Amino acid sequence: MAYQRGSLKKVMKKEGLTWVLRYRVGAREQTPLLVGLVADFPTEDEALLEVDRLGLRVRINCATSGTRR
């Protein structure tokens, strides 16, 4: 099983500009996970620290996420 890091992207939501962690589920489908507002985490490094604090990389790389074996 391959380990994914995902990628961060800024997306405009109703609440404001938001950090989103995107990762692949299938061949082309990218699934987003909300990290937090850009106002709370102004730099990408701070957003990555929040990703680690929330354990989002563990969630996207768990064995039961529907990946092939």
Protein backbone atom coordinates (compact mmCIF):
# COMPACT_ATOMS: atom_id res chain seq x y z
CA MET A 1 0.00 0.00 0.00
CA ALA A 2 1.34 3.43 -0.93
CA TYR A 3 1.48 6.23 1.61
CA GLN A 4 -0.16 9.51 0.59
CA ARG A 5 0.66 12.94 1.95
CA GLY A 6 -2.18 14.76 0.19
CA SER A 7 -1.97 18.34 -1.01
CA LEU A 8 -3.19 21.59 0.49
CA LYS A 9 -5.29 24.03 -1.46
CA LYS A 10 -7.11 27.26 -0.60
CA VAL A 11 -10.82 27.09 -1.45
CA MET A 12 -13.48 29.77 -1.03
CA LYS A 13 -16.33 28.52 1.16
CA LYS A 14 -19.30 30.26 2.73
CA GLU A 15 -17.30 30.77 5.95
CA GLY A 16 -14.40 32.34 4.03
CA LEU A 17 -11.12 31.25 2.47
CA THR A 18 -10.43 27.72 3.78
CA TRP A 19 -7.52 25.26 3.70
CA VAL A 20 -8.52 21.89 2.19
CA LEU A 21 -6.42 18.70 2.20
CA ARG A 22 -7.00 16.80 -1.04
CA TYR A 23 -6.13 13.13 -1.57
CA ARG A 24 -6.91 10.45 -4.13
CA VAL A 25 -9.37 7.65 -3.56
CA GLY A 26 -9.59 6.16 -7.04
CA ALA A 27 -7.72 6.81 -10.25
CA ARG A 28 -8.93 10.40 -10.65
CA GLU A 29 -11.27 11.23 -7.79
CA GLN A 30 -9.85 13.72 -5.29
CA THR A 31 -11.53 13.80 -1.89
CA PRO A 32 -11.28 17.00 0.19
CA LEU A 33 -10.96 17.23 3.98
CA LEU A 34 -11.43 20.62 5.62
CA VAL A 35 -8.44 21.77 7.70
CA GLY A 36 -9.43 25.28 8.81
CA LEU A 37 -9.76 28.90 7.81
CA VAL A 38 -6.85 30.75 6.24
CA ALA A 39 -7.48 33.48 8.83
CA ASP A 40 -6.64 30.95 11.58
CA PHE A 41 -3.68 29.38 9.71
CA PRO A 42 -2.20 32.08 7.44
CA THR A 43 0.76 30.06 6.11
CA GLU A 44 0.90 26.66 4.50
CA ASP A 45 3.32 25.47 7.21
CA GLU A 46 0.80 26.32 9.94
CA ALA A 47 -1.93 24.51 8.00
CA LEU A 48 0.30 21.43 7.69
CA LEU A 49 0.88 21.49 11.46
CA GLU A 50 -2.90 21.51 11.91
CA VAL A 51 -3.20 18.55 9.52
CA ASP A 52 -0.76 16.64 11.72
CA ARG A 53 -2.52 17.75 14.93
CA LEU A 54 -5.89 16.55 13.60
CA GLY A 55 -4.40 13.26 12.38
CA LEU A 56 -5.78 13.67 8.87
CA ARG A 57 -2.90 11.84 7.20
CA VAL A 58 -3.57 8.83 9.41
CA ARG A 59 -7.22 8.94 8.33
CA ILE A 60 -6.43 9.05 4.60
CA ASN A 61 -3.89 6.24 4.89
CA CYS A 62 -5.85 3.81 7.08
CA ALA A 63 -6.17 0.28 5.78
CA THR A 64 -9.97 0.44 5.60
CA SER A 65 -10.11 3.43 3.25
CA GLY A 66 -11.13 1.27 0.28
CA THR A 67 -7.70 0.82 -1.29
CA ARG A 68 -6.60 -2.24 -3.21
CA ARG A 69 -4.50 -4.88 -1.49
